[in-house]
PDB file of N, CA and C in Angstrom:
ATOM      1  N   MET A   1     -52.086  20.155 -67.379  1.00  0.00           N
ATOM      2  CA  MET A   1     -53.467  19.703 -67.435  1.00  0.00           C
ATOM      3  C   MET A   1     -54.313  20.672 -66.618  1.00  0.00           C
ATOM      4  N   GLN A   2     -55.380  21.113 -67.222  1.00  0.00           N
ATOM      5  CA  GLN A   2     -56.268  22.078 -66.587  1.00  0.00           C
ATOM      6  C   GLN A   2     -57.337  21.356 -65.774  1.00  0.00           C
ATOM      7  N   THR A   3     -57.695  21.904 -64.620  1.00  0.00           N
ATOM      8  CA  THR A   3     -58.748  21.348 -63.785  1.00  0.00           C
ATOM      9  C   THR A   3     -59.888  22.353 -63.709  1.00  0.00           C
ATOM     10  N   ILE A   4     -61.110  21.882 -64.010  1.00  0.00           N
ATOM     11  CA  ILE A   4     -62.273  22.766 -63.957  1.00  0.00           C
ATOM     12  C   ILE A   4     -63.423  22.061 -63.251  1.00  0.00           C
ATOM     13  N   ASN A   5     -64.324  22.869 -62.699  1.00  0.00           N
ATOM     14  CA  ASN A   5     -65.519  22.349 -62.059  1.00  0.00           C
ATOM     15  C   ASN A   5     -66.558  22.030 -63.133  1.00  0.00           C
ATOM     16  N   ILE A   6     -67.426  21.098 -62.851  1.00  0.00           N
ATOM     17  CA  ILE A   6     -68.418  20.667 -63.842  1.00  0.00           C
ATOM     18  C   ILE A   6     -69.354  21.805 -64.250  1.00  0.00           C
ATOM     19  N   SER A   7     -69.668  22.697 -63.336  1.00  0.00           N
ATOM     20  CA  SER A   7     -70.531  23.829 -63.695  1.00  0.00           C
ATOM     21  C   SER A   7     -69.824  24.758 -64.678  1.00  0.00           C
ATOM     22  N   GLU A   8     -68.511  24.933 -64.520  1.00  0.00           N
ATOM     23  CA  GLU A   8     -67.726  25.727 -65.467  1.00  0.00           C
ATOM     24  C   GLU A   8     -67.709  25.056 -66.841  1.00  0.00           C
ATOM     25  N   LEU A   9     -67.597  23.735 -66.850  1.00  0.00           N
ATOM     26  CA  LEU A   9     -67.619  22.988 -68.115  1.00  0.00           C
ATOM     27  C   LEU A   9     -68.954  23.174 -68.826  1.00  0.00           C
ATOM     28  N   ARG A  10     -70.041  23.075 -68.072  1.00  0.00           N
ATOM     29  CA  ARG A  10     -71.367  23.252 -68.668  1.00  0.00           C
ATOM     30  C   ARG A  10     -71.531  24.653 -69.262  1.00  0.00           C
ATOM     31  N   SER A  11     -71.024  25.647 -68.564  1.00  0.00           N
ATOM     32  CA  SER A  11     -71.188  27.029 -69.016  1.00  0.00           C
ATOM     33  C   SER A  11     -70.374  27.342 -70.264  1.00  0.00           C
ATOM     34  N   ASN A  12     -69.212  26.700 -70.396  1.00  0.00           N
ATOM     35  CA  ASN A  12     -68.288  27.033 -71.488  1.00  0.00           C
ATOM     36  C   ASN A  12     -67.836  25.788 -72.247  1.00  0.00           C
ATOM     37  N   LEU A  13     -68.764  24.911 -72.531  1.00  0.00           N
ATOM     38  CA  LEU A  13     -68.428  23.628 -73.148  1.00  0.00           C
ATOM     39  C   LEU A  13     -67.655  23.786 -74.450  1.00  0.00           C
ATOM     40  N   LEU A  14     -68.108  24.630 -75.346  1.00  0.00           N
ATOM     41  CA  LEU A  14     -67.442  24.797 -76.631  1.00  0.00           C
ATOM     42  C   LEU A  14     -65.995  25.253 -76.454  1.00  0.00           C
ATOM     43  N   LYS A  15     -65.774  26.197 -75.565  1.00  0.00           N
ATOM     44  CA  LYS A  15     -64.424  26.708 -75.296  1.00  0.00           C
ATOM     45  C   LYS A  15     -63.502  25.572 -74.843  1.00  0.00           C
ATOM     46  N   TYR A  16     -63.987  24.737 -73.937  1.00  0.00           N
ATOM     47  CA  TYR A  16     -63.157  23.652 -73.419  1.00  0.00           C
ATOM     48  C   TYR A  16     -62.956  22.537 -74.447  1.00  0.00           C
ATOM     49  N   LEU A  17     -63.958  22.271 -75.265  1.00  0.00           N
ATOM     50  CA  LEU A  17     -63.791  21.264 -76.317  1.00  0.00           C
ATOM     51  C   LEU A  17     -62.778  21.723 -77.360  1.00  0.00           C
ATOM     52  N   GLU A  18     -62.759  23.005 -77.664  1.00  0.00           N
ATOM     53  CA  GLU A  18     -61.749  23.531 -78.576  1.00  0.00           C
ATOM     54  C   GLU A  18     -60.352  23.386 -77.976  1.00  0.00           C
ATOM     55  N   SER A  19     -60.247  23.619 -76.683  1.00  0.00           N
ATOM     56  CA  SER A  19     -58.973  23.474 -75.985  1.00  0.00           C
ATOM     57  C   SER A  19     -58.496  22.019 -76.028  1.00  0.00           C
ATOM     58  N   VAL A  20     -59.416  21.104 -75.816  1.00  0.00           N
ATOM     59  CA  VAL A  20     -59.088  19.670 -75.873  1.00  0.00           C
ATOM     60  C   VAL A  20     -58.686  19.282 -77.291  1.00  0.00           C
ATOM     61  N   SER A  21     -59.390  19.801 -78.265  1.00  0.00           N
ATOM     62  CA  SER A  21     -59.078  19.508 -79.657  1.00  0.00           C
ATOM     63  C   SER A  21     -57.674  19.982 -80.024  1.00  0.00           C
ATOM     64  N   ALA A  22     -57.204  21.043 -79.356  1.00  0.00           N
ATOM     65  CA  ALA A  22     -55.862  21.570 -79.600  1.00  0.00           C
ATOM     66  C   ALA A  22     -54.787  20.751 -78.887  1.00  0.00           C
ATOM     67  N   GLY A  23     -55.209  19.752 -78.083  1.00  0.00           N
ATOM     68  CA  GLY A  23     -54.234  18.867 -77.455  1.00  0.00           C
ATOM     69  C   GLY A  23     -54.139  18.951 -75.947  1.00  0.00           C
ATOM     70  N   GLU A  24     -54.888  19.845 -75.318  1.00  0.00           N
ATOM     71  CA  GLU A  24     -54.843  19.973 -73.857  1.00  0.00           C
ATOM     72  C   GLU A  24     -55.830  19.007 -73.212  1.00  0.00           C
ATOM     73  N   ALA A  25     -55.424  18.361 -72.139  1.00  0.00           N
ATOM     74  CA  ALA A  25     -56.321  17.481 -71.388  1.00  0.00           C
ATOM     75  C   ALA A  25     -56.938  18.281 -70.239  1.00  0.00           C
ATOM     76  N   ILE A  26     -58.161  17.920 -69.874  1.00  0.00           N
ATOM     77  CA  ILE A  26     -58.884  18.643 -68.828  1.00  0.00           C
ATOM     78  C   ILE A  26     -59.417  17.650 -67.802  1.00  0.00           C
ATOM     79  N   LEU A  27     -59.211  17.977 -66.519  1.00  0.00           N
ATOM     80  CA  LEU A  27     -59.813  17.207 -65.431  1.00  0.00           C
ATOM     81  C   LEU A  27     -61.103  17.915 -65.029  1.00  0.00           C
ATOM     82  N   VAL A  28     -62.194  17.175 -64.952  1.00  0.00           N
ATOM     83  CA  VAL A  28     -63.478  17.736 -64.555  1.00  0.00           C
ATOM     84  C   VAL A  28     -63.769  17.283 -63.133  1.00  0.00           C
ATOM     85  N   THR A  29     -64.077  18.254 -62.256  1.00  0.00           N
ATOM     86  CA  THR A  29     -64.309  17.935 -60.845  1.00  0.00           C
ATOM     87  C   THR A  29     -65.699  18.366 -60.398  1.00  0.00           C
ATOM     88  N   SER A  30     -66.123  17.789 -59.294  1.00  0.00           N
ATOM     89  CA  SER A  30     -67.345  18.194 -58.624  1.00  0.00           C
ATOM     90  C   SER A  30     -67.089  18.070 -57.134  1.00  0.00           C
ATOM     91  N   ASN A  31     -67.220  19.170 -56.421  1.00  0.00           N
ATOM     92  CA  ASN A  31     -66.924  19.213 -54.982  1.00  0.00           C
ATOM     93  C   ASN A  31     -65.520  18.698 -54.674  1.00  0.00           C
ATOM     94  N   GLY A  32     -64.572  19.027 -55.536  1.00  0.00           N
ATOM     95  CA  GLY A  32     -63.188  18.640 -55.321  1.00  0.00           C
ATOM     96  C   GLY A  32     -62.845  17.219 -55.719  1.00  0.00           C
ATOM     97  N   LYS A  33     -63.832  16.449 -56.157  1.00  0.00           N
ATOM     98  CA  LYS A  33     -63.604  15.058 -56.560  1.00  0.00           C
ATOM     99  C   LYS A  33     -63.527  14.984 -58.093  1.00  0.00           C
ATOM    100  N   VAL A  34     -62.501  14.295 -58.597  1.00  0.00           N
ATOM    101  CA  VAL A  34     -62.338  14.168 -60.048  1.00  0.00           C
ATOM    102  C   VAL A  34     -63.407  13.236 -60.604  1.00  0.00           C
ATOM    103  N   LEU A  35     -64.158  13.738 -61.571  1.00  0.00           N
ATOM    104  CA  LEU A  35     -65.204  12.949 -62.216  1.00  0.00           C
ATOM    105  C   LEU A  35     -64.747  12.343 -63.533  1.00  0.00           C
ATOM    106  N   ALA A  36     -63.950  13.118 -64.276  1.00  0.00           N
ATOM    107  CA  ALA A  36     -63.570  12.658 -65.611  1.00  0.00           C
ATOM    108  C   ALA A  36     -62.328  13.393 -66.089  1.00  0.00           C
ATOM    109  N   THR A  37     -61.687  12.777 -67.066  1.00  0.00           N
ATOM    110  CA  THR A  37     -60.601  13.410 -67.794  1.00  0.00           C
ATOM    111  C   THR A  37     -61.036  13.478 -69.251  1.00  0.00           C
ATOM    112  N   ILE A  38     -60.957  14.658 -69.811  1.00  0.00           N
ATOM    113  CA  ILE A  38     -61.332  14.838 -71.210  1.00  0.00           C
ATOM    114  C   ILE A  38     -60.054  15.084 -71.999  1.00  0.00           C
ATOM    115  N   SER A  39     -59.847  14.283 -73.042  1.00  0.00           N
ATOM    116  CA  SER A  39     -58.673  14.462 -73.893  1.00  0.00           C
ATOM    117  C   SER A  39     -59.060  14.132 -75.331  1.00  0.00           C
ATOM    118  N   ALA A  40     -58.233  14.600 -76.250  1.00  0.00           N
ATOM    119  CA  ALA A  40     -58.487  14.352 -77.664  1.00  0.00           C
ATOM    120  C   ALA A  40     -58.324  12.864 -77.968  1.00  0.00           C
ATOM    121  N   PRO A  41     -59.088  12.341 -78.914  1.00  0.00           N
ATOM    122  CA  PRO A  41     -58.959  10.926 -79.268  1.00  0.00           C
ATOM    123  C   PRO A  41     -57.614  10.642 -79.925  1.00  0.00           C
ATOM    124  N   ILE A  42     -57.137   9.433 -79.740  1.00  0.00           N
ATOM    125  CA  ILE A  42     -55.887   9.003 -80.365  1.00  0.00           C
ATOM    126  C   ILE A  42     -56.242   8.300 -81.667  1.00  0.00           C
ATOM    127  N   GLU A  43     -55.646   8.753 -82.746  1.00  0.00           N
ATOM    128  CA  GLU A  43     -55.905   8.129 -84.035  1.00  0.00           C
ATOM    129  C   GLU A  43     -55.158   6.801 -84.108  1.00  0.00           C
ATOM    130  N   PRO A  44     -55.856   5.688 -84.395  1.00  0.00           N
ATOM    131  CA  PRO A  44     -55.194   4.379 -84.428  1.00  0.00           C
ATOM    132  C   PRO A  44     -54.022   4.302 -85.404  1.00  0.00           C
ATOM    133  N   LYS A  45     -54.159   4.944 -86.568  1.00  0.00           N
ATOM    134  CA  LYS A  45     -53.071   4.888 -87.551  1.00  0.00           C
ATOM    135  C   LYS A  45     -51.832   5.613 -87.037  1.00  0.00           C
ATOM    136  N   SER A  46     -52.020   6.759 -86.425  1.00  0.00           N
ATOM    137  CA  SER A  46     -50.881   7.512 -85.891  1.00  0.00           C
ATOM    138  C   SER A  46     -50.202   6.742 -84.771  1.00  0.00           C
ATOM    139  N   LEU A  47     -51.002   6.142 -83.889  1.00  0.00           N
ATOM    140  CA  LEU A  47     -50.446   5.352 -82.791  1.00  0.00           C
ATOM    141  C   LEU A  47     -49.674   4.157 -83.326  1.00  0.00           C
ATOM    142  N   ALA A  48     -50.235   3.468 -84.305  1.00  0.00           N
ATOM    143  CA  ALA A  48     -49.563   2.305 -84.896  1.00  0.00           C
ATOM    144  C   ALA A  48     -48.261   2.722 -85.569  1.00  0.00           C
ATOM    145  N   ARG A  49     -48.270   3.860 -86.248  1.00  0.00           N
ATOM    146  CA  ARG A  49     -47.060   4.349 -86.922  1.00  0.00           C
ATOM    147  C   ARG A  49     -45.967   4.676 -85.899  1.00  0.00           C
ATOM    148  N   GLU A  50     -46.337   5.319 -84.786  1.00  0.00           N
ATOM    149  CA  GLU A  50     -45.371   5.637 -83.730  1.00  0.00           C
ATOM    150  C   GLU A  50     -44.781   4.361 -83.129  1.00  0.00           C
ATOM    151  N   GLN A  51     -45.621   3.364 -82.883  1.00  0.00           N
ATOM    152  CA  GLN A  51     -45.147   2.105 -82.321  1.00  0.00           C
ATOM    153  C   GLN A  51     -44.235   1.388 -83.296  1.00  0.00           C
ATOM    154  N   LEU A  52     -44.548   1.436 -84.585  1.00  0.00           N
ATOM    155  CA  LEU A  52     -43.712   0.802 -85.597  1.00  0.00           C
ATOM    156  C   LEU A  52     -42.343   1.473 -85.679  1.00  0.00           C
ATOM    157  N   HIS A  53     -42.317   2.798 -85.609  1.00  0.00           N
ATOM    158  CA  HIS A  53     -41.036   3.514 -85.629  1.00  0.00           C
ATOM    159  C   HIS A  53     -40.204   3.177 -84.393  1.00  0.00           C
ATOM    160  N   ALA A  54     -40.848   3.058 -83.245  1.00  0.00           N
ATOM    161  CA  ALA A  54     -40.127   2.694 -82.022  1.00  0.00           C
ATOM    162  C   ALA A  54     -39.556   1.282 -82.146  1.00  0.00           C
ATOM    163  N   LEU A  55     -40.319   0.367 -82.702  1.00  0.00           N
ATOM    164  CA  LEU A  55     -39.853  -0.998 -82.902  1.00  0.00           C
ATOM    165  C   LEU A  55     -38.719  -1.031 -83.916  1.00  0.00           C
ATOM    166  N   ALA A  56     -38.836  -0.269 -84.987  1.00  0.00           N
ATOM    167  CA  ALA A  56     -37.804  -0.246 -86.022  1.00  0.00           C
ATOM    168  C   ALA A  56     -36.475   0.268 -85.488  1.00  0.00           C
ATOM    169  N   SER A  57     -36.525   1.173 -84.527  1.00  0.00           N
ATOM    170  CA  SER A  57     -35.285   1.719 -83.983  1.00  0.00           C
ATOM    171  C   SER A  57     -34.536   0.698 -83.133  1.00  0.00           C
ATOM    172  N   THR A  58     -35.222  -0.340 -82.659  1.00  0.00           N
ATOM    173  CA  THR A  58     -34.569  -1.355 -81.832  1.00  0.00           C
ATOM    174  C   THR A  58     -34.340  -2.667 -82.577  1.00  0.00           C
ATOM    175  N   ALA A  59     -34.861  -2.770 -83.788  1.00  0.00           N
ATOM    176  CA  ALA A  59     -34.739  -4.021 -84.551  1.00  0.00           C
ATOM    177  C   ALA A  59     -33.312  -4.226 -85.047  1.00  0.00           C
ATOM    178  N   ARG A  60     -32.914  -5.502 -85.119  1.00  0.00           N
ATOM    179  CA  ARG A  60     -31.607  -5.848 -85.670  1.00  0.00           C
ATOM    180  C   ARG A  60     -31.843  -6.755 -86.859  1.00  0.00           C
ATOM    181  N   LEU A  61     -31.225  -6.431 -87.971  1.00  0.00           N
ATOM    182  CA  LEU A  61     -31.387  -7.216 -89.190  1.00  0.00           C
ATOM    183  C   LEU A  61     -30.203  -8.153 -89.350  1.00  0.00           C
ATOM    184  N   HIS A  62     -30.483  -9.388 -89.728  1.00  0.00           N
ATOM    185  CA  HIS A  62     -29.450 -10.386 -89.956  1.00  0.00           C
ATOM    186  C   HIS A  62     -29.714 -11.088 -91.283  1.00  0.00           C
ATOM    187  N   ASP A  63     -28.705 -11.728 -91.786  1.00  0.00           N
ATOM    188  CA  ASP A  63     -28.819 -12.494 -93.015  1.00  0.00           C
ATOM    189  C   ASP A  63     -29.515 -13.814 -92.674  1.00  0.00           C
ATOM    190  N   ILE A  64     -30.731 -13.999 -93.158  1.00  0.00           N
ATOM    191  CA  ILE A  64     -31.462 -15.228 -92.845  1.00  0.00           C
ATOM    192  C   ILE A  64     -31.432 -16.229 -93.996  1.00  0.00           C
ATOM    193  N   VAL A  65     -30.705 -15.922 -95.062  1.00  0.00           N
ATOM    194  CA  VAL A  65     -30.658 -16.797 -96.219  1.00  0.00           C
ATOM    195  C   VAL A  65     -29.418 -17.686 -96.194  1.00  0.00           C
ATOM    196  N   SER A  66     -28.310 -17.157 -95.738  1.00  0.00           N
ATOM    197  CA  SER A  66     -27.061 -17.920 -95.737  1.00  0.00           C
ATOM    198  C   SER A  66     -27.112 -19.048 -94.714  1.00  0.00           C
ATOM    199  N   PRO A  67     -26.378 -20.147 -94.979  1.00  0.00           N
ATOM    200  CA  PRO A  67     -26.328 -21.254 -94.018  1.00  0.00           C
ATOM    201  C   PRO A  67     -25.734 -20.797 -92.687  1.00  0.00           C
ATOM    202  N   THR A  68     -26.196 -21.400 -91.607  1.00  0.00           N
ATOM    203  CA  THR A  68     -25.722 -21.018 -90.273  1.00  0.00           C
ATOM    204  C   THR A  68     -24.651 -21.961 -89.750  1.00  0.00           C
ATOM    205  N   GLN A  69     -24.330 -22.986 -90.511  1.00  0.00           N
ATOM    206  CA  GLN A  69     -23.347 -23.996 -90.098  1.00  0.00           C
ATOM    207  C   GLN A  69     -23.805 -24.759 -88.855  1.00  0.00           C
ATOM    208  N   VAL A  70     -25.116 -24.781 -88.633  1.00  0.00           N
ATOM    209  CA  VAL A  70     -25.672 -25.529 -87.514  1.00  0.00           C
ATOM    210  C   VAL A  70     -26.544 -26.639 -88.074  1.00  0.00           C
ATOM    211  N   ASP A  71     -26.289 -27.879 -87.636  1.00  0.00           N
ATOM    212  CA  ASP A  71     -27.093 -29.022 -88.085  1.00  0.00           C
ATOM    213  C   ASP A  71     -28.391 -29.066 -87.306  1.00  0.00           C
ATOM    214  N   TRP A  72     -29.477 -29.378 -88.010  1.00  0.00           N
ATOM    215  CA  TRP A  72     -30.751 -29.544 -87.334  1.00  0.00           C
ATOM    216  C   TRP A  72     -31.585 -30.525 -88.126  1.00  0.00           C
ATOM    217  N   ASP A  73     -32.519 -31.158 -87.450  1.00  0.00           N
ATOM    218  CA  ASP A  73     -33.380 -32.137 -88.077  1.00  0.00           C
ATOM    219  C   ASP A  73     -34.741 -31.541 -88.382  1.00  0.00           C
ATOM    220  N   SER A  74     -35.212 -31.876 -89.572  1.00  0.00           N
ATOM    221  CA  SER A  74     -36.523 -31.414 -89.963  1.00  0.00           C
ATOM    222  C   SER A  74     -37.567 -32.403 -89.464  1.00  0.00           C
ATOM    223  N   ALA A  75     -38.721 -31.917 -89.060  1.00  0.00           N
ATOM    224  CA  ALA A  75     -39.786 -32.798 -88.565  1.00  0.00           C
ATOM    225  C   ALA A  75     -40.763 -33.149 -89.676  1.00  0.00           C
ATOM    226  N   LEU A  76     -40.327 -33.202 -90.921  1.00  0.00           N
ATOM    227  CA  LEU A  76     -41.228 -33.519 -92.034  1.00  0.00           C
ATOM    228  C   LEU A  76     -41.550 -34.953 -92.041  1.00  0.00           C
TER     229      LEU A  76
END
């Protein structure tokens, strides 16, 4: 992660936005204090797809149609 001063950001905004668009995050400082972090937006569809793949890798499939040989009462 790159750290730059706010005056440097103002002078070269396009350069830094292109860098962020390429995937690099930037910390913006003023007098040594962090003011902001600039990063590329996360696409909701991509994030949802990644989470679904992570869930699928841990999921266990079972036969839910066959009888379980367990008696239970219906609340109908």
